[in-house]
C-alpha atoms as a PDB file:
ATOM      1  CA  MET A   1       0.000   0.000   0.000  1.00  0.00           C
ATOM      2  CA  SER A   2       2.970   2.381   0.486  1.00  0.00           C
ATOM      3  CA  GLU A   3       3.557   2.364  -3.288  1.00  0.00           C
ATOM      4  CA  ALA A   4      -0.009   3.577  -3.813  1.00  0.00           C
ATOM      5  CA  LYS A   5       0.510   6.452  -1.371  1.00  0.00           C
ATOM      6  CA  GLN A   6       3.750   7.429  -3.129  1.00  0.00           C
ATOM      7  CA  GLU A   7       1.863   7.601  -6.431  1.00  0.00           C
ATOM      8  CA  ILE A   8      -0.999   9.655  -4.938  1.00  0.00           C
ATOM      9  CA  GLN A   9       1.106  12.321  -3.118  1.00  0.00           C
ATOM     10  CA  PRO A  10       2.615  14.037  -6.245  1.00  0.00           C
ATOM     11  CA  LEU A  11      -0.870  14.322  -7.757  1.00  0.00           C
ATOM     12  CA  GLN A  12      -2.203  15.891  -4.540  1.00  0.00           C
ATOM     13  CA  ILE A  13       0.631  18.504  -4.567  1.00  0.00           C
ATOM     14  CA  GLU A  14      -0.090  19.343  -8.198  1.00  0.00           C
ATOM     15  CA  LEU A  15      -3.789  19.786  -7.473  1.00  0.00           C
ATOM     16  CA  GLU A  16      -3.032  22.079  -4.494  1.00  0.00           C
ATOM     17  CA  GLN A  17      -0.686  24.242  -6.615  1.00  0.00           C
ATOM     18  CA  PHE A  18      -3.353  24.438  -9.321  1.00  0.00           C
ATOM     19  CA  ASP A  19      -5.954  25.525  -6.789  1.00  0.00           C
ATOM     20  CA  ASP A  20      -3.636  28.304  -5.448  1.00  0.00           C
ATOM     21  CA  GLU A  21      -3.170  29.631  -8.949  1.00  0.00           C
ATOM     22  CA  LEU A  22      -6.927  29.773  -9.424  1.00  0.00           C
ATOM     23  CA  GLY A  23      -7.218  31.704  -6.123  1.00  0.00           C
ATOM     24  CA  ASN A  24      -4.727  34.301  -7.292  1.00  0.00           C
ATOM     25  CA  MET A  25      -6.592  34.669 -10.569  1.00  0.00           C
ATOM     26  CA  SER A  26      -9.822  35.379  -8.706  1.00  0.00           C
ATOM     27  CA  LYS A  27      -8.163  38.179  -6.726  1.00  0.00           C
ATOM     28  CA  LYS A  28      -6.910  39.850  -9.904  1.00  0.00           C
ATOM     29  CA  HIS A  29     -10.218  39.332 -11.747  1.00  0.00           C
ATOM     30  CA  PRO A  30     -13.241  39.692  -9.456  1.00  0.00           C
ATOM     31  CA  ARG A  31     -15.609  38.316 -12.149  1.00  0.00           C
ATOM     32  CA  SER A  32     -13.647  35.052 -12.017  1.00  0.00           C
ATOM     33  CA  ARG A  33     -14.314  34.554  -8.278  1.00  0.00           C
ATOM     34  CA  ASN A  34     -16.145  31.263  -9.034  1.00  0.00           C
ATOM     35  CA  LYS A  35     -14.032  28.787 -10.913  1.00  0.00           C
ATOM     36  CA  PRO A  36     -14.817  28.690 -14.615  1.00  0.00           C
ATOM     37  CA  PRO A  37     -17.019  25.717 -15.656  1.00  0.00           C
ATOM     38  CA  GLY A  38     -14.259  24.296 -17.865  1.00  0.00           C
ATOM     39  CA  VAL A  39     -11.840  24.192 -14.941  1.00  0.00           C
ATOM     40  CA  VAL A  40     -14.402  22.458 -12.722  1.00  0.00           C
ATOM     41  CA  VAL A  41     -14.977  19.768 -15.371  1.00  0.00           C
ATOM     42  CA  LEU A  42     -11.217  19.309 -15.668  1.00  0.00           C
ATOM     43  CA  LEU A  43     -10.905  18.858 -11.903  1.00  0.00           C
ATOM     44  CA  VAL A  44     -13.726  16.290 -11.839  1.00  0.00           C
ATOM     45  CA  LEU A  45     -12.106  14.320 -14.650  1.00  0.00           C
ATOM     46  CA  ILE A  46      -8.718  14.328 -12.907  1.00  0.00           C
ATOM     47  CA  CYS A  47     -10.297  13.117  -9.638  1.00  0.00           C
ATOM     48  CA  ALA A  48     -12.234  10.373 -11.440  1.00  0.00           C
ATOM     49  CA  ILE A  49      -9.112   9.125 -13.230  1.00  0.00           C
ATOM     50  CA  LEU A  50      -7.162   9.206  -9.976  1.00  0.00           C
ATOM     51  CA  SER A  51      -9.880   7.236  -8.142  1.00  0.00           C
ATOM     52  CA  ILE A  52     -10.052   4.565 -10.852  1.00  0.00           C
ATOM     53  CA  SER A  53      -6.273   4.187 -10.845  1.00  0.00           C
ATOM     54  CA  VAL A  54      -6.118   3.784  -7.070  1.00  0.00           C
ATOM     55  CA  ILE A  55      -9.011   1.277  -6.963  1.00  0.00           C
ATOM     56  CA  GLY A  56      -7.439  -0.770  -9.758  1.00  0.00           C
ATOM     57  CA  TYR A  57      -4.131  -0.800  -7.928  1.00  0.00           C
ATOM     58  CA  LEU A  58      -5.778  -1.869  -4.658  1.00  0.00           C
ATOM     59  CA  VAL A  59      -7.722  -4.732  -6.324  1.00  0.00           C
ATOM     60  CA  SER A  60      -4.588  -5.954  -8.068  1.00  0.00           C
ATOM     61  CA  ASP A  61      -2.623  -5.695  -4.849  1.00  0.00           C
ATOM     62  CA  THR A  62      -5.321  -7.628  -2.962  1.00  0.00           C
ATOM     63  CA  ASP A  63      -5.272 -10.476  -5.493  1.00  0.00           C
ATOM     64  CA  GLN A  64      -1.495 -10.679  -5.282  1.00  0.00           C
ATOM     65  CA  ASN A  65      -1.575 -10.721  -1.498  1.00  0.00           C
ATOM     66  CA  ALA A  66      -4.315 -13.388  -1.586  1.00  0.00           C
ATOM     67  CA  ASP A  67      -2.076 -15.597  -3.696  1.00  0.00           C
ATOM     68  CA  ILE A  68       0.812 -15.081  -1.312  1.00  0.00           C
ATOM     69  CA  ILE A  69      -1.113 -15.983   1.862  1.00  0.00           C
ATOM     70  CA  GLY A  70      -3.114 -18.791   0.238  1.00  0.00           C
ATOM     71  CA  VAL A  71      -6.523 -17.123   0.059  1.00  0.00           C
ATOM     72  CA  GLU A  72      -8.458 -18.423  -2.961  1.00  0.00           C
ATOM     73  CA  THR A  73     -10.051 -15.996  -5.380  1.00  0.00           C
ATOM     74  CA  ASP A  74     -13.260 -16.954  -7.205  1.00  0.00           C
ATOM     75  CA  ASP A  75     -11.379 -18.221 -10.285  1.00  0.00           C
ATOM     76  CA  THR A  76      -8.995 -20.282  -8.197  1.00  0.00           C
ATOM     77  CA  GLU A  77     -11.835 -21.753  -6.162  1.00  0.00           C
ATOM     78  CA  GLU A  78     -13.684 -22.815  -9.301  1.00  0.00           C
ATOM     79  CA  ARG A  79     -10.535 -24.238 -10.845  1.00  0.00           C
ATOM     80  CA  GLU A  80      -9.502 -26.253  -7.805  1.00  0.00           C
ATOM     81  CA  ARG A  81     -12.926 -27.263  -6.430  1.00  0.00           C
ATOM     82  CA  LYS A  82     -12.959 -30.915  -5.478  1.00  0.00           C
ATOM     83  CA  ASP A  83     -16.492 -32.290  -5.633  1.00  0.00           C
ATOM     84  CA  PRO A  84     -16.624 -35.729  -3.953  1.00  0.00           C
ATOM     85  CA  ILE A  85     -18.993 -37.123  -6.574  1.00  0.00           C
ATOM     86  CA  SER A  86     -17.186 -35.732  -9.600  1.00  0.00           C
ATOM     87  CA  PRO A  87     -15.442 -38.171 -11.938  1.00  0.00           C
ATOM     88  CA  LYS A  88     -11.679 -37.984 -12.267  1.00  0.00           C
ATOM     89  CA  PHE A  89     -12.206 -36.251 -15.594  1.00  0.00           C
ATOM     90  CA  ILE A  90     -15.111 -35.523 -17.922  1.00  0.00           C
ATOM     91  CA  VAL A  91     -15.844 -37.906 -20.794  1.00  0.00           C
ATOM     92  CA  ASN A  92     -18.149 -37.198 -23.739  1.00  0.00           C
ATOM     93  CA  MET A  93     -19.363 -39.163 -26.726  1.00  0.00           C
ATOM     94  CA  THR A  94     -16.771 -37.716 -29.085  1.00  0.00           C
ATOM     95  CA  ASP A  95     -13.901 -39.134 -27.021  1.00  0.00           C
ATOM     96  CA  GLY A  96     -14.315 -42.585 -28.575  1.00  0.00           C
ATOM     97  CA  ILE A  97     -13.524 -45.744 -26.615  1.00  0.00           C
ATOM     98  CA  MET A  98     -12.998 -44.680 -22.996  1.00  0.00           C
ATOM     99  CA  TYR A  99     -13.146 -48.061 -21.277  1.00  0.00           C
ATOM    100  CA  GLN A 100     -10.986 -51.164 -21.030  1.00  0.00           C
ATOM    101  CA  THR A 101     -12.424 -54.664 -21.184  1.00  0.00           C
ATOM    102  CA  ILE A 102     -10.966 -57.190 -18.779  1.00  0.00           C
ATOM    103  CA  GLY A 103     -10.298 -60.718 -19.986  1.00  0.00           C
ATOM    104  CA  ASP A 104     -12.571 -62.618 -22.358  1.00  0.00           C
ATOM    105  CA  PRO A 105     -16.336 -62.104 -22.352  1.00  0.00           C
ATOM    106  CA  MET A 106     -18.300 -64.277 -19.947  1.00  0.00           C
ATOM    107  CA  GLN A 107     -21.190 -66.396 -21.119  1.00  0.00           C
ATOM    108  CA  HIS A 108     -24.741 -65.077 -20.841  1.00  0.00           C
ATOM    109  CA  ASP A 109     -28.019 -66.839 -21.582  1.00  0.00           C
ATOM    110  CA  LYS A 110     -29.128 -65.452 -24.932  1.00  0.00           C
ATOM    111  CA  THR A 111     -32.789 -66.084 -24.078  1.00  0.00           C
ATOM    112  CA  HIS A 112     -32.605 -63.591 -21.219  1.00  0.00           C
ATOM    113  CA  PHE A 113     -34.214 -60.237 -21.999  1.00  0.00           C
ATOM    114  CA  THR A 114     -32.050 -58.460 -19.428  1.00  0.00           C
ATOM    115  CA  GLN A 115     -33.837 -55.673 -17.550  1.00  0.00           C
ATOM    116  CA  GLY A 116     -31.815 -55.502 -14.333  1.00  0.00           C
ATOM    117  CA  LEU A 117     -28.352 -56.613 -13.252  1.00  0.00           C
ATOM    118  CA  THR A 118     -27.128 -56.302  -9.656  1.00  0.00           C
ATOM    119  CA  TYR A 119     -24.232 -57.715  -7.630  1.00  0.00           C
ATOM    120  CA  SER A 120     -23.904 -58.457  -3.900  1.00  0.00           C
ATOM    121  CA  LYS A 121     -20.468 -58.040  -2.353  1.00  0.00           C
ATOM    122  CA  HIS A 122     -21.753 -59.757   0.791  1.00  0.00           C
ATOM    123  CA  SER A 123     -22.696 -63.019  -0.927  1.00  0.00           C
ATOM    124  CA  ASP A 124     -20.470 -62.607  -4.001  1.00  0.00           C
ATOM    125  CA  MET A 125     -23.461 -63.251  -6.213  1.00  0.00           C
ATOM    126  CA  LEU A 126     -24.825 -61.681  -9.384  1.00  0.00           C
ATOM    127  CA  PHE A 127     -28.600 -61.358  -9.851  1.00  0.00           C
ATOM    128  CA  GLU A 128     -30.578 -60.723 -13.018  1.00  0.00           C
ATOM    129  CA  SER A 129     -34.146 -59.646 -13.760  1.00  0.00           C
ATOM    130  CA  ASN A 130     -35.443 -60.732 -17.172  1.00  0.00           C
ATOM    131  CA  GLY A 131     -38.472 -59.312 -18.967  1.00  0.00           C
ATOM    132  CA  LEU A 132     -41.138 -60.043 -21.592  1.00  0.00           C
ATOM    133  CA  TYR A 133     -44.655 -61.272 -20.881  1.00  0.00           C
ATOM    134  CA  GLY A 134     -44.699 -64.988 -20.220  1.00  0.00           C
ATOM    135  CA  LYS A 135     -40.896 -65.115 -19.954  1.00  0.00           C
ATOM    136  CA  SER A 136     -40.041 -62.864 -17.013  1.00  0.00           C
ATOM    137  CA  SER A 137     -37.831 -64.333 -14.305  1.00  0.00           C
ATOM    138  CA  VAL A 138     -35.516 -63.669 -11.361  1.00  0.00           C
ATOM    139  CA  CYS A 139     -32.112 -65.377 -11.523  1.00  0.00           C
ATOM    140  CA  LYS A 140     -28.936 -65.951  -9.539  1.00  0.00           C
ATOM    141  CA  ILE A 141     -25.853 -65.873 -11.782  1.00  0.00           C
ATOM    142  CA  ASP A 142     -22.306 -67.080 -11.156  1.00  0.00           C
ATOM    143  CA  PRO A 143     -20.258 -63.836 -11.183  1.00  0.00           C
ATOM    144  CA  TYR A 144     -17.183 -65.597 -12.588  1.00  0.00           C
ATOM    145  CA  THR A 145     -18.638 -67.711 -15.393  1.00  0.00           C
ATOM    146  CA  GLY A 146     -22.053 -66.169 -16.088  1.00  0.00           C
ATOM    147  CA  GLU A 147     -23.779 -69.533 -15.602  1.00  0.00           C
ATOM    148  CA  GLU A 148     -27.255 -69.672 -14.117  1.00  0.00           C
ATOM    149  CA  ILE A 149     -27.416 -70.978 -10.557  1.00  0.00           C
ATOM    150  CA  LEU A 150     -31.140 -70.558  -9.932  1.00  0.00           C
ATOM    151  CA  CYS A 151     -34.007 -69.008 -11.879  1.00  0.00           C
ATOM    152  CA  VAL A 152     -37.578 -68.477 -10.729  1.00  0.00           C
ATOM    153  CA  LYS A 153     -40.232 -67.823 -13.369  1.00  0.00           C
ATOM    154  CA  MET A 154     -42.766 -65.082 -12.729  1.00  0.00           C
ATOM    155  CA  GLU A 155     -46.487 -65.031 -13.522  1.00  0.00           C
ATOM    156  CA  ASN A 156     -47.241 -64.530 -17.191  1.00  0.00           C
ATOM    157  CA  ARG A 157     -49.057 -61.233 -16.559  1.00  0.00           C
ATOM    158  CA  TYR A 158     -45.889 -59.517 -15.385  1.00  0.00           C
ATOM    159  CA  PHE A 159     -43.237 -57.865 -17.556  1.00  0.00           C
ATOM    160  CA  ALA A 160     -40.225 -57.703 -15.221  1.00  0.00           C
ATOM    161  CA  GLU A 161     -37.941 -54.680 -15.235  1.00  0.00           C
ATOM    162  CA  GLY A 162     -35.095 -53.430 -13.011  1.00  0.00           C
ATOM    163  CA  MET A 163     -33.887 -55.144  -9.847  1.00  0.00           C
ATOM    164  CA  GLN A 164     -31.538 -54.245  -6.975  1.00  0.00           C
ATOM    165  CA  VAL A 165     -29.968 -56.253  -4.141  1.00  0.00           C
ATOM    166  CA  TYR A 166     -29.803 -54.581  -0.715  1.00  0.00           C
ATOM    167  CA  GLY A 167     -29.703 -55.308   3.014  1.00  0.00           C
ATOM    168  CA  ASN A 168     -27.343 -56.708   5.616  1.00  0.00           C
ATOM    169  CA  PRO A 169     -25.153 -59.821   5.232  1.00  0.00           C
ATOM    170  CA  GLY A 170     -27.214 -62.944   5.807  1.00  0.00           C
ATOM    171  CA  ASP A 171     -30.463 -61.005   5.367  1.00  0.00           C
ATOM    172  CA  GLU A 172     -30.200 -59.591   1.870  1.00  0.00           C
ATOM    173  CA  LYS A 173     -33.218 -58.890  -0.258  1.00  0.00           C
ATOM    174  CA  LEU A 174     -34.003 -58.128  -3.869  1.00  0.00           C
ATOM    175  CA  ILE A 175     -36.390 -55.377  -4.927  1.00  0.00           C
ATOM    176  CA  GLN A 176     -37.864 -55.676  -8.420  1.00  0.00           C
ATOM    177  CA  ILE A 177     -40.196 -53.426 -10.396  1.00  0.00           C
ATOM    178  CA  THR A 178     -42.421 -54.176 -13.384  1.00  0.00           C
ATOM    179  CA  TRP A 179     -43.079 -52.293 -16.599  1.00  0.00           C
ATOM    180  CA  LYS A 180     -46.741 -51.201 -16.689  1.00  0.00           C
ATOM    181  CA  SER A 181     -48.586 -53.027 -13.903  1.00  0.00           C
ATOM    182  CA  GLN A 182     -47.142 -50.733 -11.196  1.00  0.00           C
ATOM    183  CA  ASP A 183     -46.442 -53.796  -9.062  1.00  0.00           C
ATOM    184  CA  GLY A 184     -43.168 -54.336  -7.244  1.00  0.00           C
ATOM    185  CA  PHE A 185     -41.742 -57.336  -5.438  1.00  0.00           C
ATOM    186  CA  ILE A 186     -39.389 -58.024  -2.535  1.00  0.00           C
ATOM    187  CA  TYR A 187     -37.544 -61.362  -2.577  1.00  0.00           C
ATOM    188  CA  ASP A 188     -35.194 -63.194  -0.271  1.00  0.00           C
ATOM    189  CA  ALA A 189     -31.845 -62.935  -2.059  1.00  0.00           C
ATOM    190  CA  GLU A 190     -30.702 -66.402  -1.016  1.00  0.00           C
ATOM    191  CA  SER A 191     -33.733 -68.481  -1.995  1.00  0.00           C
ATOM    192  CA  LEU A 192     -35.465 -66.017  -4.362  1.00  0.00           C
ATOM    193  CA  ALA A 193     -38.641 -66.670  -2.389  1.00  0.00           C
ATOM    194  CA  LEU A 194     -41.219 -63.878  -2.632  1.00  0.00           C
ATOM    195  CA  ILE A 195     -41.518 -61.912   0.622  1.00  0.00           C
ATOM    196  CA  LYS A 196     -44.058 -59.245  -0.301  1.00  0.00           C
ATOM    197  CA  THR A 197     -45.542 -57.166  -3.097  1.00  0.00           C
ATOM    198  CA  PHE A 198     -46.097 -53.405  -3.229  1.00  0.00           C
ATOM    199  CA  ARG A 199     -47.583 -50.753  -5.492  1.00  0.00           C
ATOM    200  CA  PHE A 200     -45.698 -47.785  -6.902  1.00  0.00           C
ATOM    201  CA  SER A 201     -46.130 -44.759  -9.126  1.00  0.00           C
ATOM    202  CA  THR A 202     -43.706 -42.664 -11.184  1.00  0.00           C
ATOM    203  CA  THR A 203     -43.889 -39.841 -13.728  1.00  0.00           C
ATOM    204  CA  ARG A 204     -45.093 -42.241 -16.420  1.00  0.00           C
ATOM    205  CA  ASN A 205     -46.459 -44.832 -13.961  1.00  0.00           C
ATOM    206  CA  GLU A 206     -43.995 -47.356 -15.333  1.00  0.00           C
ATOM    207  CA  GLY A 207     -40.948 -49.104 -13.930  1.00  0.00           C
ATOM    208  CA  TRP A 208     -37.703 -49.387 -15.894  1.00  0.00           C
ATOM    209  CA  GLY A 209     -34.541 -49.345 -13.760  1.00  0.00           C
ATOM    210  CA  ILE A 210     -33.698 -49.276 -10.057  1.00  0.00           C
ATOM    211  CA  CYS A 211     -30.551 -48.882  -7.938  1.00  0.00           C
ATOM    212  CA  TYR A 212     -29.743 -48.196  -4.284  1.00  0.00           C
ATOM    213  CA  ASP A 213     -27.898 -45.410  -2.458  1.00  0.00           C
ATOM    214  CA  ASP A 214     -27.001 -47.073   0.855  1.00  0.00           C
ATOM    215  CA  ASN A 215     -25.662 -43.831   2.345  1.00  0.00           C
ATOM    216  CA  LYS A 216     -29.068 -42.172   2.062  1.00  0.00           C
ATOM    217  CA  ASN A 217     -31.041 -45.417   2.329  1.00  0.00           C
ATOM    218  CA  GLU A 218     -33.035 -44.685  -0.786  1.00  0.00           C
ATOM    219  CA  PHE A 219     -33.832 -46.383  -4.051  1.00  0.00           C
ATOM    220  CA  ILE A 220     -33.401 -44.486  -7.307  1.00  0.00           C
ATOM    221  CA  VAL A 221     -35.910 -45.425 -10.001  1.00  0.00           C
ATOM    222  CA  SER A 222     -36.261 -44.696 -13.726  1.00  0.00           C
ATOM    223  CA  ASP A 223     -39.456 -45.000 -15.766  1.00  0.00           C
ATOM    224  CA  GLY A 224     -38.417 -44.275 -19.347  1.00  0.00           C
ATOM    225  CA  SER A 225     -38.829 -40.542 -18.875  1.00  0.00           C
ATOM    226  CA  SER A 226     -36.045 -38.042 -18.222  1.00  0.00           C
ATOM    227  CA  TYR A 227     -36.620 -38.244 -14.443  1.00  0.00           C
ATOM    228  CA  LEU A 228     -34.984 -40.145 -11.611  1.00  0.00           C
ATOM    229  CA  HIS A 229     -37.338 -40.871  -8.709  1.00  0.00           C
ATOM    230  CA  PHE A 230     -35.993 -41.220  -5.172  1.00  0.00           C
ATOM    231  CA  TRP A 231     -37.829 -43.592  -2.808  1.00  0.00           C
ATOM    232  CA  ASP A 232     -37.352 -44.028   0.904  1.00  0.00           C
ATOM    233  CA  ALA A 233     -36.018 -47.595   1.208  1.00  0.00           C
ATOM    234  CA  ASP A 234     -38.196 -48.406   4.233  1.00  0.00           C
ATOM    235  CA  SER A 235     -41.540 -46.921   3.215  1.00  0.00           C
ATOM    236  CA  LEU A 236     -41.008 -47.129  -0.583  1.00  0.00           C
ATOM    237  CA  GLU A 237     -42.585 -43.678  -0.780  1.00  0.00           C
ATOM    238  CA  GLU A 238     -41.223 -41.122  -3.261  1.00  0.00           C
ATOM    239  CA  LYS A 239     -39.200 -38.359  -1.561  1.00  0.00           C
ATOM    240  CA  ARG A 240     -38.349 -36.296  -4.638  1.00  0.00           C
ATOM    241  CA  LYS A 241     -37.537 -36.566  -8.315  1.00  0.00           C
ATOM    242  CA  VAL A 242     -34.859 -34.955 -10.478  1.00  0.00           C
ATOM    243  CA  GLN A 243     -34.826 -34.349 -14.205  1.00  0.00           C
ATOM    244  CA  VAL A 244     -31.683 -35.545 -15.982  1.00  0.00           C
ATOM    245  CA  THR A 245     -30.044 -33.375 -18.651  1.00  0.00           C
ATOM    246  CA  ARG A 246     -27.530 -34.547 -21.222  1.00  0.00           C
ATOM    247  CA  GLN A 247     -24.260 -32.738 -21.880  1.00  0.00           C
ATOM    248  CA  ASN A 248     -25.923 -30.976 -24.817  1.00  0.00           C
ATOM    249  CA  GLY A 249     -28.458 -29.449 -22.422  1.00  0.00           C
ATOM    250  CA  LYS A 250     -31.379 -31.579 -23.628  1.00  0.00           C
ATOM    251  CA  ALA A 251     -33.474 -33.831 -21.408  1.00  0.00           C
ATOM    252  CA  ALA A 252     -32.186 -37.407 -21.129  1.00  0.00           C
ATOM    253  CA  GLU A 253     -35.223 -39.328 -22.343  1.00  0.00           C
ATOM    254  CA  GLU A 254     -35.763 -43.101 -21.963  1.00  0.00           C
ATOM    255  CA  ILE A 255     -33.426 -43.666 -19.032  1.00  0.00           C
ATOM    256  CA  ASN A 256     -33.310 -47.409 -18.481  1.00  0.00           C
ATOM    257  CA  GLU A 257     -31.197 -49.722 -16.298  1.00  0.00           C
ATOM    258  CA  LEU A 258     -29.345 -48.090 -13.380  1.00  0.00           C
ATOM    259  CA  GLU A 259     -26.393 -48.616 -11.076  1.00  0.00           C
ATOM    260  CA  PHE A 260     -25.190 -46.488  -8.157  1.00  0.00           C
ATOM    261  CA  VAL A 261     -21.484 -46.199  -7.330  1.00  0.00           C
ATOM    262  CA  ASN A 262     -19.250 -43.618  -5.639  1.00  0.00           C
ATOM    263  CA  GLY A 263     -22.050 -41.072  -5.366  1.00  0.00           C
ATOM    264  CA  VAL A 264     -23.127 -41.140  -9.023  1.00  0.00           C
ATOM    265  CA  VAL A 265     -25.785 -42.963 -11.017  1.00  0.00           C
ATOM    266  CA  LEU A 266     -24.765 -44.937 -14.109  1.00  0.00           C
ATOM    267  CA  ALA A 267     -27.565 -45.322 -16.627  1.00  0.00           C
ATOM    268  CA  ASN A 268     -28.354 -47.105 -19.854  1.00  0.00           C
ATOM    269  CA  ILE A 269     -30.501 -45.312 -22.435  1.00  0.00           C
ATOM    270  CA  TRP A 270     -33.006 -47.450 -24.290  1.00  0.00           C
ATOM    271  CA  PHE A 271     -31.895 -48.257 -27.838  1.00  0.00           C
ATOM    272  CA  LYS A 272     -28.695 -46.244 -27.411  1.00  0.00           C
ATOM    273  CA  ASP A 273     -25.175 -47.594 -27.009  1.00  0.00           C
ATOM    274  CA  VAL A 274     -24.307 -45.110 -24.310  1.00  0.00           C
ATOM    275  CA  ILE A 275     -23.819 -45.050 -20.548  1.00  0.00           C
ATOM    276  CA  LEU A 276     -24.469 -41.837 -18.663  1.00  0.00           C
ATOM    277  CA  VAL A 277     -22.809 -40.773 -15.407  1.00  0.00           C
ATOM    278  CA  ILE A 278     -25.370 -38.684 -13.543  1.00  0.00           C
ATOM    279  CA  ASP A 279     -25.129 -36.372 -10.547  1.00  0.00           C
ATOM    280  CA  PRO A 280     -28.173 -37.525  -8.515  1.00  0.00           C
ATOM    281  CA  THR A 281     -28.562 -34.120  -6.854  1.00  0.00           C
ATOM    282  CA  SER A 282     -28.598 -31.862  -9.911  1.00  0.00           C
ATOM    283  CA  GLY A 283     -29.473 -34.387 -12.624  1.00  0.00           C
ATOM    284  CA  GLU A 284     -26.490 -33.213 -14.674  1.00  0.00           C
ATOM    285  CA  CYS A 285     -24.736 -35.763 -16.889  1.00  0.00           C
ATOM    286  CA  LEU A 286     -21.135 -35.520 -15.758  1.00  0.00           C
ATOM    287  CA  SER A 287     -19.854 -37.957 -18.394  1.00  0.00           C
ATOM    288  CA  GLU A 288     -21.243 -39.872 -21.360  1.00  0.00           C
ATOM    289  CA  TYR A 289     -19.552 -43.047 -22.583  1.00  0.00           C
ATOM    290  CA  ASP A 290     -19.830 -44.230 -26.179  1.00  0.00           C
ATOM    291  CA  MET A 291     -20.397 -48.003 -25.959  1.00  0.00           C
ATOM    292  CA  SER A 292     -21.004 -48.635 -29.655  1.00  0.00           C
ATOM    293  CA  ASN A 293     -17.828 -50.690 -30.030  1.00  0.00           C
ATOM    294  CA  ILE A 294     -18.254 -53.110 -27.141  1.00  0.00           C
ATOM    295  CA  TRP A 295     -20.398 -55.319 -29.388  1.00  0.00           C
ATOM    296  CA  PRO A 296     -21.311 -53.401 -32.554  1.00  0.00           C
ATOM    297  CA  LYS A 297     -24.963 -53.433 -33.601  1.00  0.00           C
ATOM    298  CA  LEU A 298     -24.307 -55.050 -36.978  1.00  0.00           C
ATOM    299  CA  ASP A 299     -22.381 -57.909 -35.347  1.00  0.00           C
ATOM    300  CA  ARG A 300     -24.881 -58.582 -32.581  1.00  0.00           C
ATOM    301  CA  LYS A 301     -27.872 -58.488 -34.931  1.00  0.00           C
ATOM    302  CA  LYS A 302     -26.365 -61.515 -36.658  1.00  0.00           C
ATOM    303  CA  GLU A 303     -26.640 -63.311 -33.311  1.00  0.00           C
ATOM    304  CA  GLY A 304     -30.225 -62.170 -32.711  1.00  0.00           C
ATOM    305  CA  ALA A 305     -29.131 -59.893 -29.858  1.00  0.00           C
ATOM    306  CA  ASP A 306     -31.038 -56.777 -28.849  1.00  0.00           C
ATOM    307  CA  VAL A 307     -29.998 -53.497 -27.185  1.00  0.00           C
ATOM    308  CA  LEU A 308     -27.337 -52.752 -24.605  1.00  0.00           C
ATOM    309  CA  ASN A 309     -28.946 -52.988 -21.151  1.00  0.00           C
ATOM    310  CA  GLY A 310     -27.527 -54.217 -17.884  1.00  0.00           C
ATOM    311  CA  ILE A 311     -24.817 -52.648 -15.735  1.00  0.00           C
ATOM    312  CA  SER A 312     -23.579 -53.646 -12.309  1.00  0.00           C
ATOM    313  CA  ILE A 313     -20.665 -53.241  -9.941  1.00  0.00           C
ATOM    314  CA  SER A 314     -18.473 -56.251  -9.187  1.00  0.00           C
ATOM    315  CA  LYS A 315     -16.316 -57.359  -6.249  1.00  0.00           C
ATOM    316  CA  ASP A 316     -13.370 -55.502  -7.808  1.00  0.00           C
ATOM    317  CA  GLU A 317     -13.246 -51.758  -7.368  1.00  0.00           C
ATOM    318  CA  ASP A 318     -14.011 -49.830 -10.555  1.00  0.00           C
ATOM    319  CA  VAL A 319     -14.852 -53.020 -12.473  1.00  0.00           C
ATOM    320  CA  PHE A 320     -18.356 -53.358 -13.921  1.00  0.00           C
ATOM    321  CA  TYR A 321     -20.455 -56.047 -15.570  1.00  0.00           C
ATOM    322  CA  ILE A 322     -22.023 -55.005 -18.882  1.00  0.00           C
ATOM    323  CA  THR A 323     -24.497 -56.978 -20.985  1.00  0.00           C
ATOM    324  CA  GLY A 324     -27.680 -56.570 -23.030  1.00  0.00           C
ATOM    325  CA  LYS A 325     -31.066 -58.004 -23.910  1.00  0.00           C
ATOM    326  CA  LYS A 326     -30.664 -61.467 -25.461  1.00  0.00           C
ATOM    327  CA  TRP A 327     -26.895 -61.100 -25.525  1.00  0.00           C
ATOM    328  CA  ASN A 328     -24.919 -64.342 -25.465  1.00  0.00           C
ATOM    329  CA  ARG A 329     -22.062 -62.633 -23.658  1.00  0.00           C
ATOM    330  CA  MET A 330     -21.292 -60.430 -20.677  1.00  0.00           C
ATOM    331  CA  PHE A 331     -18.301 -58.119 -20.328  1.00  0.00           C
ATOM    332  CA  ARG A 332     -16.193 -56.976 -17.418  1.00  0.00           C
ATOM    333  CA  LEU A 333     -14.635 -53.537 -17.894  1.00  0.00           C
ATOM    334  CA  LYS A 334     -13.231 -50.381 -16.371  1.00  0.00           C
ATOM    335  CA  PHE A 335     -14.343 -46.895 -17.356  1.00  0.00           C
ATOM    336  CA  GLU A 336     -11.573 -44.363 -17.829  1.00  0.00           C
ATOM    337  CA  GLY A 337     -12.096 -41.258 -15.743  1.00  0.00           C
ATOM    338  CA  LEU A 338     -14.707 -42.779 -13.450  1.00  0.00           C
END
């Protein structure tokens, strides 16, 4: 601040000398007792310029001092903000292949119209919900080979959709939703025995995908719209809903199968080879992964396979299971940046 004072003092002396000269002029010329309008304007301009210069200097000096003592300015705070749910870096569809497959594909029953895929770290078991009227089922899958361990067929009137495992070790349950009947089911995860049924509603009154945030004890549900619905895990009542927006600013329509991991929601989009990474609070798509090369459409059509659908965590950190409807294979992979 001493440098600012040194710059101000000479200007103050010059102004004082100028004022004295005006005083002498008024004594010699009585009609000029009031300062001429032009001189007043000049004085105002000089004061304004001086004020702007000093304020600019002080702001600059404050920023420099903030850097020295470690105080963050707005730009620095934005640049260095560490959001706990943010991915390591942002991925978009133009980035190409931003995942790494691990090992060879596992087998997967090609008759399964996969609607939900969920893994239990407690029991080291993979579960699958399969749809279509007359063919819907709940299955236990070997997480290492992809082989079926147990499958229970559902009533023909139900079109099964998403499913999620939850609960404590030794007392785990499965929650499953259906497409249009608005019926949901709770099963014992060990035996797949039905425990109870419940009714639900969503924006479209349909059920598509479901996952579980154990920190908040709430289920997150999709219904084919652009909304995520948040249910209290005990009452199964909706607490709120959030609209999801893509990176292009448009609504993310037809959100399908879901998975929750590290504070974000991973989502399939019906008939699209893409996986979204969604902030569950704001609904913003943090990243979008192009999955068109994992099993290209032209290749899988030759095998009678349908769309990409089915994503789940595994026992290995950052490793996910990926499959699709009527796919004869299941992949294990890591997403870059997640």
